[in-house]
Amino acid sequence: MDDLELHGRDDWPRVQQRYEAWWEGEVPDRPLISVHAPKYVLPEPDIAPKDLAAVWTDPATVLQRQREVLAATYHGGDAFPILRPVSGGMVAVLAAFLGAPLHILNRQTTYTDPIISDWDTRPRLRFDPDNHWWQTVRRLLEAGAAAAPGLGYVSIPDLNGPGEILARLRGTAPLALDLFDHPDEMLAALHEINQAWYRYWQACHGIIHQHVGGYVFWMGLWSELPATDLQTDFSIMISRPMFDRFFLPFVEEQTRWVQRTVYHLDGPGAVRHLESLLDLPRLTAVQWVPGAGAPPMSRWLPLLHRIQARGKSLCLSCEPGEVETLATALEPEGLFLSTTAGSPEDADALVALVDRSHRRRSWLVPGTGAAEFQE
């Protein structure tokens, strides 16, 4: 893709500089802020039950809707157009790549069935180029990447992490018991899944990079260098020693495979593992998600300061009313805020608010002035 030709972003080279500064934990002219707002209301399509599969799997149907969504969306601040040929509703689609039957429930949701009932007879968990769901995703990515130049970047599917994938392949409750009853079998399976994860991750980018560059995933970040998300949502069910034994080594392995990584820390129950994650020298950033029923993002400042104090960047989704508080209270180095607005004008106002907050903070706090930034 020509960096000077990105739909709706004639300032894209400057935005790219901000993202690169964020990955390096540096201070650009202001913290990163991505604000999406509707240009107009896009009506929900009327989908007949017989057409439901096409909404998820037919490249022409998927891309038509993607174009409609992009046309109706204003990308404010550092937001940029992203084609998502594989719906975010296919969370942890890697489980399907490894043989778990995937079912489409409605327009927003899919689920998979466990396939490991007995550790002695479980299938090998490895890259399978002929897997039905991988072939489906491959076609979607090929179509999305071919349509992307000049329009936007392409997000890879949500592959999730080995712990969550194994929970889907085995079942969450049985896997919790396996920590005690079948630890060696678990570790062997996690090793296979992690190897498969990396092969599929490489394959996804191999498809995309035939037509468009950059690394983009579901968090809405852009990177010039290899980058991805990491996660182990199953960790909320276990102690820190168990996390450190069974799952942390595979997260660490992923940080060695991929140059830039963001760990998705989801919910108060996962906080017990934060110190172990912050000890990973190659982990770039943490995405903190308070979770359903928890206080909003602006109520977690001590936790966020703790992450920043360990030299990790922050990726935060917040409500529009929290933007000023977060931009003022947190260090600007490596700070990325993602939010929404009701209109393009409101989106621009939020970006201006962050700019003013940063300039005010730079004036009040010695040594926090913006680094030299290329025009």
Protein backbone atom coordinates (compact mmCIF):
# COMPACT_ATOMS: atom_id res chain seq x y z
CA MET A 1 0.00 0.00 0.00
CA ASP A 2 1.21 3.50 -0.79
CA ASP A 3 1.47 5.13 2.64
CA LEU A 4 0.36 8.43 1.09
CA GLU A 5 -2.91 6.91 -0.13
CA LEU A 6 -5.06 5.62 2.70
CA HIS A 7 -8.82 6.12 2.52
CA GLY A 8 -9.84 9.02 4.74
CA ARG A 9 -6.30 9.64 6.08
CA ASP A 10 -4.23 12.11 4.06
CA ASP A 11 -2.04 12.49 7.19
CA TRP A 12 -1.30 8.77 7.46
CA PRO A 13 2.54 9.07 7.43
CA ARG A 14 2.33 11.27 10.53
CA VAL A 15 -0.07 8.84 12.22
CA GLN A 16 2.33 5.99 11.45
CA GLN A 17 5.07 7.89 13.26
CA ARG A 18 2.87 8.09 16.34
CA TYR A 19 2.24 4.35 16.32
CA GLU A 20 5.94 3.61 15.92
CA ALA A 21 6.71 5.95 18.82
CA TRP A 22 4.08 4.18 20.94
CA TRP A 23 5.63 0.77 20.32
CA GLU A 24 8.99 2.18 21.39
CA GLY A 25 7.52 3.70 24.56
CA GLU A 26 8.32 7.20 23.40
CA VAL A 27 6.44 10.50 23.53
CA PRO A 28 5.24 11.84 20.18
CA ASP A 29 3.51 15.21 19.92
CA ARG A 30 0.71 13.77 22.08
CA PRO A 31 -0.50 10.37 23.34
CA LEU A 32 -2.13 8.10 20.79
CA ILE A 33 -5.91 8.38 20.69
CA SER A 34 -8.18 6.47 18.34
CA VAL A 35 -11.74 7.77 18.07
CA HIS A 36 -14.38 6.17 15.86
CA ALA A 37 -17.62 7.99 15.17
CA PRO A 38 -20.55 7.44 12.80
CA LYS A 39 -20.86 9.66 9.75
CA TYR A 40 -24.42 8.41 9.36
CA VAL A 41 -26.54 5.60 10.76
CA LEU A 42 -25.94 2.37 8.91
CA PRO A 43 -29.07 0.24 8.97
CA GLU A 44 -28.78 -3.33 10.18
CA PRO A 45 -29.17 -5.75 7.29
CA ASP A 46 -32.17 -8.04 7.27
CA ILE A 47 -30.59 -11.50 7.19
CA ALA A 48 -32.70 -14.54 6.44
CA PRO A 49 -31.68 -17.68 8.39
CA LYS A 50 -30.66 -19.40 5.16
CA ASP A 51 -28.19 -16.56 4.46
CA LEU A 52 -26.58 -16.51 7.92
CA ALA A 53 -23.56 -18.58 6.93
CA ALA A 54 -22.79 -16.20 4.06
CA VAL A 55 -22.60 -13.26 6.48
CA TRP A 56 -19.66 -15.01 8.15
CA THR A 57 -18.00 -16.96 5.36
CA ASP A 58 -18.80 -15.64 1.87
CA PRO A 59 -16.04 -13.21 0.79
CA ALA A 60 -18.31 -11.10 -1.44
CA THR A 61 -20.99 -10.74 1.26
CA VAL A 62 -18.43 -10.00 3.98
CA LEU A 63 -16.51 -7.41 1.96
CA GLN A 64 -19.63 -5.59 0.83
CA ARG A 65 -20.61 -5.09 4.48
CA GLN A 66 -17.04 -4.09 5.37
CA ARG A 67 -17.05 -1.39 2.71
CA GLU A 68 -20.39 -0.10 3.97
CA VAL A 69 -19.09 0.06 7.55
CA LEU A 70 -15.92 1.88 6.54
CA ALA A 71 -17.85 4.40 4.45
CA ALA A 72 -20.11 5.16 7.42
CA THR A 73 -17.27 5.51 9.93
CA TYR A 74 -15.20 8.60 10.77
CA HIS A 75 -11.66 7.79 11.86
CA GLY A 76 -10.64 10.49 14.31
CA GLY A 77 -7.29 11.11 15.93
CA ASP A 78 -5.08 8.13 15.16
CA ALA A 79 -7.86 5.77 14.12
CA PHE A 80 -7.52 4.29 10.65
CA PRO A 81 -9.68 2.12 8.38
CA ILE A 82 -9.33 -1.59 9.08
CA LEU A 83 -10.81 -4.39 7.01
CA ARG A 84 -11.81 -7.32 9.20
CA PRO A 85 -12.62 -10.13 6.76
CA VAL A 86 -12.80 -12.59 9.65
CA SER A 87 -15.39 -11.36 12.13
CA GLY A 88 -14.36 -10.70 15.71
CA GLY A 89 -17.23 -12.99 16.61
CA MET A 90 -14.98 -15.90 15.62
CA VAL A 91 -13.09 -15.52 18.89
CA ALA A 92 -10.35 -18.14 19.29
CA VAL A 93 -10.95 -19.49 15.78
CA LEU A 94 -7.69 -21.40 16.21
CA ALA A 95 -9.73 -24.04 18.08
CA ALA A 96 -11.66 -24.66 14.86
CA PHE A 97 -8.39 -24.81 12.90
CA LEU A 98 -7.33 -27.59 15.28
CA GLY A 99 -10.46 -29.64 14.70
CA ALA A 100 -13.13 -28.34 17.08
CA PRO A 101 -16.54 -28.12 15.32
CA LEU A 102 -17.51 -24.47 14.95
CA HIS A 103 -21.17 -23.41 15.01
CA ILE A 104 -22.69 -20.11 13.92
CA LEU A 105 -25.31 -19.09 16.47
CA ASN A 106 -26.41 -15.70 15.09
CA ARG A 107 -24.95 -12.61 13.41
CA GLN A 108 -22.64 -11.89 16.38
CA THR A 109 -21.74 -15.23 17.93
CA THR A 110 -20.04 -18.52 17.17
CA TYR A 111 -18.99 -21.33 19.48
CA THR A 112 -16.99 -24.56 19.30
CA ASP A 113 -17.45 -28.04 20.77
CA PRO A 114 -14.68 -29.73 22.80
CA ILE A 115 -12.90 -32.62 21.10
CA ILE A 116 -10.57 -33.92 23.82
CA SER A 117 -12.46 -36.44 25.95
CA ASP A 118 -9.53 -38.70 26.78
CA TRP A 119 -5.90 -37.61 26.97
CA ASP A 120 -4.71 -41.02 25.76
CA THR A 121 -6.64 -40.76 22.50
CA ARG A 122 -6.57 -37.03 21.81
CA PRO A 123 -5.78 -35.83 18.28
CA ARG A 124 -2.47 -34.23 17.39
CA LEU A 125 -2.80 -30.46 17.52
CA ARG A 126 -0.90 -29.04 14.58
CA PHE A 127 -1.11 -26.85 11.51
CA ASP A 128 -3.44 -28.42 8.96
CA PRO A 129 -3.54 -26.61 5.61
CA ASP A 130 -6.60 -28.63 4.57
CA ASN A 131 -8.74 -27.86 7.63
CA HIS A 132 -12.19 -26.62 6.52
CA TRP A 133 -12.23 -23.54 8.73
CA TRP A 134 -8.68 -22.59 7.84
CA GLN A 135 -9.60 -22.81 4.16
CA THR A 136 -12.63 -20.58 4.84
CA VAL A 137 -10.52 -18.01 6.70
CA ARG A 138 -7.82 -18.16 4.04
CA ARG A 139 -10.35 -17.24 1.34
CA LEU A 140 -11.69 -14.38 3.44
CA LEU A 141 -8.20 -13.01 4.10
CA GLU A 142 -7.24 -13.30 0.43
CA ALA A 143 -10.33 -11.35 -0.64
CA GLY A 144 -9.86 -8.73 2.08
CA ALA A 145 -6.18 -8.24 1.33
CA ALA A 146 -6.81 -7.93 -2.42
CA ALA A 147 -9.38 -5.19 -1.72
CA ALA A 148 -7.26 -3.36 0.86
CA PRO A 149 -4.71 -1.25 -1.10
CA GLY A 150 -5.73 2.38 -0.90
CA LEU A 151 -8.68 1.51 1.34
CA GLY A 152 -7.29 0.27 4.64
CA TYR A 153 -5.22 -2.30 6.47
CA VAL A 154 -6.25 -5.88 7.18
CA SER A 155 -6.66 -7.40 10.64
CA ILE A 156 -5.74 -11.03 11.20
CA PRO A 157 -8.30 -13.27 12.95
CA ASP A 158 -8.50 -13.47 16.74
CA LEU A 159 -6.32 -16.55 17.28
CA ASN A 160 -6.30 -16.09 21.08
CA GLY A 161 -3.74 -17.90 23.25
CA PRO A 162 -2.87 -21.55 23.92
CA GLY A 163 -4.57 -21.65 27.34
CA GLU A 164 -7.91 -20.45 26.04
CA ILE A 165 -7.67 -22.71 22.99
CA LEU A 166 -7.00 -25.76 25.15
CA ALA A 167 -9.97 -24.81 27.35
CA ARG A 168 -12.16 -24.86 24.23
CA LEU A 169 -10.74 -28.13 22.99
CA ARG A 170 -11.05 -29.86 26.36
CA GLY A 171 -13.81 -27.91 28.16
CA THR A 172 -13.17 -25.35 30.89
CA ALA A 173 -14.22 -27.45 33.90
CA PRO A 174 -12.34 -30.62 32.82
CA LEU A 175 -9.24 -28.54 32.09
CA ALA A 176 -9.31 -27.07 35.60
CA LEU A 177 -9.19 -30.62 37.01
CA ASP A 178 -6.46 -31.59 34.55
CA LEU A 179 -4.13 -29.12 36.26
CA PHE A 180 -3.97 -31.65 39.09
CA ASP A 181 -4.76 -34.94 37.35
CA HIS A 182 -2.98 -34.63 33.98
CA PRO A 183 -0.31 -31.91 34.21
CA ASP A 184 2.15 -33.54 31.82
CA GLU A 185 -0.52 -34.18 29.21
CA MET A 186 -1.62 -30.55 29.50
CA LEU A 187 1.89 -29.23 28.98
CA ALA A 188 2.38 -31.41 25.93
CA ALA A 189 -0.89 -30.18 24.41
CA LEU A 190 -0.05 -26.53 25.17
CA HIS A 191 3.29 -26.97 23.42
CA GLU A 192 1.57 -28.31 20.30
CA ILE A 193 -1.03 -25.53 20.34
CA ASN A 194 1.62 -22.84 20.69
CA GLN A 195 3.53 -24.22 17.72
CA ALA A 196 0.30 -24.30 15.68
CA TRP A 197 -0.58 -20.76 16.83
CA TYR A 198 2.67 -19.44 15.41
CA ARG A 199 2.28 -21.33 12.12
CA TYR A 200 -1.24 -19.96 11.61
CA TRP A 201 -0.14 -16.47 12.64
CA GLN A 202 2.62 -16.59 10.02
CA ALA A 203 0.24 -17.99 7.41
CA CYS A 204 -2.29 -15.20 7.99
CA HIS A 205 0.32 -12.51 7.47
CA GLY A 206 1.75 -14.34 4.49
CA ILE A 207 -1.65 -13.99 2.81
CA ILE A 208 -2.15 -10.35 3.79
CA HIS A 209 1.33 -9.19 2.85
CA GLN A 210 0.87 -10.27 -0.74
CA HIS A 211 -1.24 -7.13 -1.13
CA VAL A 212 -0.77 -4.81 1.87
CA GLY A 213 1.85 -4.33 4.57
CA GLY A 214 1.74 -3.62 8.25
CA TYR A 215 0.65 -5.72 11.22
CA VAL A 216 -2.87 -5.18 12.55
CA PHE A 217 -4.93 -7.22 15.01
CA TRP A 218 -8.20 -6.83 16.86
CA MET A 219 -6.97 -4.12 19.28
CA GLY A 220 -6.82 -1.61 16.41
CA LEU A 221 -3.07 -0.95 16.62
CA TRP A 222 -0.79 -0.58 13.61
CA SER A 223 2.84 -1.69 13.52
CA GLU A 224 5.49 -1.65 10.84
CA LEU A 225 7.26 -4.57 12.54
CA PRO A 226 5.78 -7.97 13.51
CA ALA A 227 3.22 -7.43 16.30
CA THR A 228 0.39 -9.35 17.91
CA ASP A 229 -1.84 -9.77 20.97
CA LEU A 230 -1.31 -12.41 23.66
CA GLN A 231 -3.87 -13.70 26.15
CA THR A 232 -4.84 -16.41 28.60
CA ASP A 233 -8.36 -15.67 29.82
CA PHE A 234 -8.48 -19.10 31.50
CA SER A 235 -5.98 -17.66 34.01
CA ILE A 236 -8.74 -16.07 36.10
CA MET A 237 -9.53 -19.57 37.39
CA ILE A 238 -6.07 -20.43 38.68
CA SER A 239 -3.39 -19.30 41.14
CA ARG A 240 -0.24 -17.45 40.18
CA PRO A 241 2.00 -20.52 40.75
CA MET A 242 -0.17 -22.57 38.39
CA PHE A 243 -0.20 -19.78 35.81
CA ASP A 244 3.57 -19.49 36.05
CA ARG A 245 4.00 -23.24 35.58
CA PHE A 246 1.49 -24.03 32.87
CA PHE A 247 0.91 -20.89 30.83
CA LEU A 248 3.57 -18.23 31.37
CA PRO A 249 6.31 -20.20 29.55
CA PHE A 250 4.21 -20.23 26.39
CA VAL A 251 3.45 -16.50 26.66
CA GLU A 252 7.18 -15.89 27.05
CA GLU A 253 7.83 -18.07 24.00
CA GLN A 254 5.41 -15.96 21.97
CA THR A 255 7.25 -12.76 22.99
CA ARG A 256 10.41 -14.30 21.54
CA TRP A 257 8.70 -15.28 18.29
CA VAL A 258 6.98 -11.94 17.63
CA GLN A 259 8.90 -8.70 18.01
CA ARG A 260 6.09 -6.57 19.49
CA THR A 261 3.43 -7.99 21.81
CA VAL A 262 0.46 -6.72 23.83
CA TYR A 263 -0.95 -8.90 26.62
CA HIS A 264 -4.74 -8.77 27.04
CA LEU A 265 -5.28 -8.67 30.83
CA ASP A 266 -9.01 -9.19 31.30
CA GLY A 267 -10.75 -8.62 34.63
CA PRO A 268 -9.80 -8.29 38.31
CA GLY A 269 -9.31 -12.05 38.57
CA ALA A 270 -6.36 -11.83 36.17
CA VAL A 271 -4.53 -9.12 38.12
CA ARG A 272 -2.84 -11.73 40.34
CA HIS A 273 -0.74 -12.66 37.31
CA LEU A 274 0.35 -9.13 36.44
CA GLU A 275 3.75 -9.24 38.15
CA SER A 276 4.67 -12.43 36.33
CA LEU A 277 3.76 -10.78 33.05
CA LEU A 278 5.61 -7.56 33.84
CA ASP A 279 8.72 -9.65 34.48
CA LEU A 280 8.75 -10.75 30.82
CA PRO A 281 11.54 -8.64 29.30
CA ARG A 282 10.24 -8.80 25.73
CA LEU A 283 6.59 -8.02 26.46
CA THR A 284 5.90 -4.59 24.96
CA ALA A 285 2.55 -3.54 26.39
CA VAL A 286 -0.48 -4.47 28.46
CA GLN A 287 -4.11 -4.00 27.47
CA TRP A 288 -6.10 -3.71 30.69
CA VAL A 289 -9.81 -4.53 30.47
CA PRO A 290 -11.72 -4.06 33.76
CA GLY A 291 -14.42 -6.50 32.69
CA ALA A 292 -18.19 -6.60 33.14
CA GLY A 293 -19.41 -5.19 36.44
CA ALA A 294 -16.02 -3.73 37.40
CA PRO A 295 -15.32 0.00 37.93
CA PRO A 296 -14.59 1.96 34.73
CA MET A 297 -11.09 2.49 33.35
CA SER A 298 -10.47 5.80 35.13
CA ARG A 299 -10.90 4.07 38.51
CA TRP A 300 -7.87 1.85 37.91
CA LEU A 301 -5.15 4.50 37.94
CA PRO A 302 -2.95 2.80 40.61
CA LEU A 303 -2.90 -0.38 38.53
CA LEU A 304 -2.14 1.55 35.35
CA HIS A 305 0.67 3.49 37.07
CA ARG A 306 2.08 0.16 38.24
CA ILE A 307 2.22 -1.10 34.66
CA GLN A 308 3.84 2.08 33.39
CA ALA A 309 6.40 2.04 36.21
CA ARG A 310 7.66 -1.31 34.87
CA GLY A 311 8.29 0.19 31.45
CA LYS A 312 5.33 -1.35 29.62
CA SER A 313 3.11 0.61 27.25
CA LEU A 314 -0.65 0.79 27.83
CA CYS A 315 -3.51 0.01 25.45
CA LEU A 316 -6.80 1.22 26.97
CA SER A 317 -10.38 1.33 25.73
CA CYS A 318 -12.40 3.89 27.64
CA GLU A 319 -15.58 5.93 27.67
CA PRO A 320 -15.37 9.41 26.07
CA GLY A 321 -15.87 11.06 29.45
CA GLU A 322 -12.74 9.35 30.82
CA VAL A 323 -10.36 10.56 28.13
CA GLU A 324 -9.25 13.77 29.86
CA THR A 325 -8.69 12.05 33.21
CA LEU A 326 -6.56 9.29 31.68
CA ALA A 327 -4.61 11.62 29.39
CA THR A 328 -3.80 13.89 32.32
CA ALA A 329 -3.10 11.32 35.05
CA LEU A 330 -1.01 8.80 33.08
CA GLU A 331 2.45 9.16 31.66
CA PRO A 332 2.27 10.06 27.95
CA GLU A 333 5.00 7.59 26.99
CA GLY A 334 3.41 4.53 25.43
CA LEU A 335 -0.17 5.60 26.16
CA PHE A 336 -2.86 4.54 23.68
CA LEU A 337 -6.50 5.46 24.28
CA SER A 338 -9.32 4.04 22.19
CA THR A 339 -12.84 5.39 22.40
CA THR A 340 -15.92 6.37 20.41
CA ALA A 341 -17.86 9.56 19.82
CA GLY A 342 -21.34 10.45 18.65
CA SER A 343 -20.23 12.47 15.64
CA PRO A 344 -17.10 13.47 13.72
CA GLU A 345 -17.19 16.86 15.46
CA ASP A 346 -17.26 15.19 18.89
CA ALA A 347 -14.39 12.93 17.84
CA ASP A 348 -12.24 15.90 16.83
CA ALA A 349 -13.09 17.60 20.14
CA LEU A 350 -11.78 14.59 22.07
CA VAL A 351 -8.54 14.63 20.12
CA ALA A 352 -8.15 18.35 20.80
CA LEU A 353 -8.80 17.65 24.49
CA VAL A 354 -5.95 15.12 24.60
CA ASP A 355 -3.67 17.57 22.82
CA ARG A 356 -4.46 20.32 25.34
CA SER A 357 -4.07 17.95 28.27
CA HIS A 358 -0.67 16.84 27.02
CA ARG A 359 0.53 20.37 26.44
CA ARG A 360 -0.69 21.43 29.90
CA ARG A 361 0.99 18.42 31.50
CA SER A 362 4.22 19.10 29.61
CA TRP A 363 4.25 22.63 30.97
CA LEU A 364 3.50 21.56 34.55
CA VAL A 365 5.79 18.51 34.74
CA PRO A 366 9.47 19.11 33.86
CA GLY A 367 10.91 16.70 31.31
CA THR A 368 7.62 15.66 29.73
CA GLY A 369 7.74 17.87 26.68
CA ALA A 370 7.03 16.30 23.32
CA ALA A 371 10.00 14.82 21.52
CA GLU A 372 11.05 16.19 18.16
CA PHE A 373 8.48 14.99 15.65
CA GLN A 374 8.79 15.00 11.89
CA GLU A 375 6.29 17.00 9.92
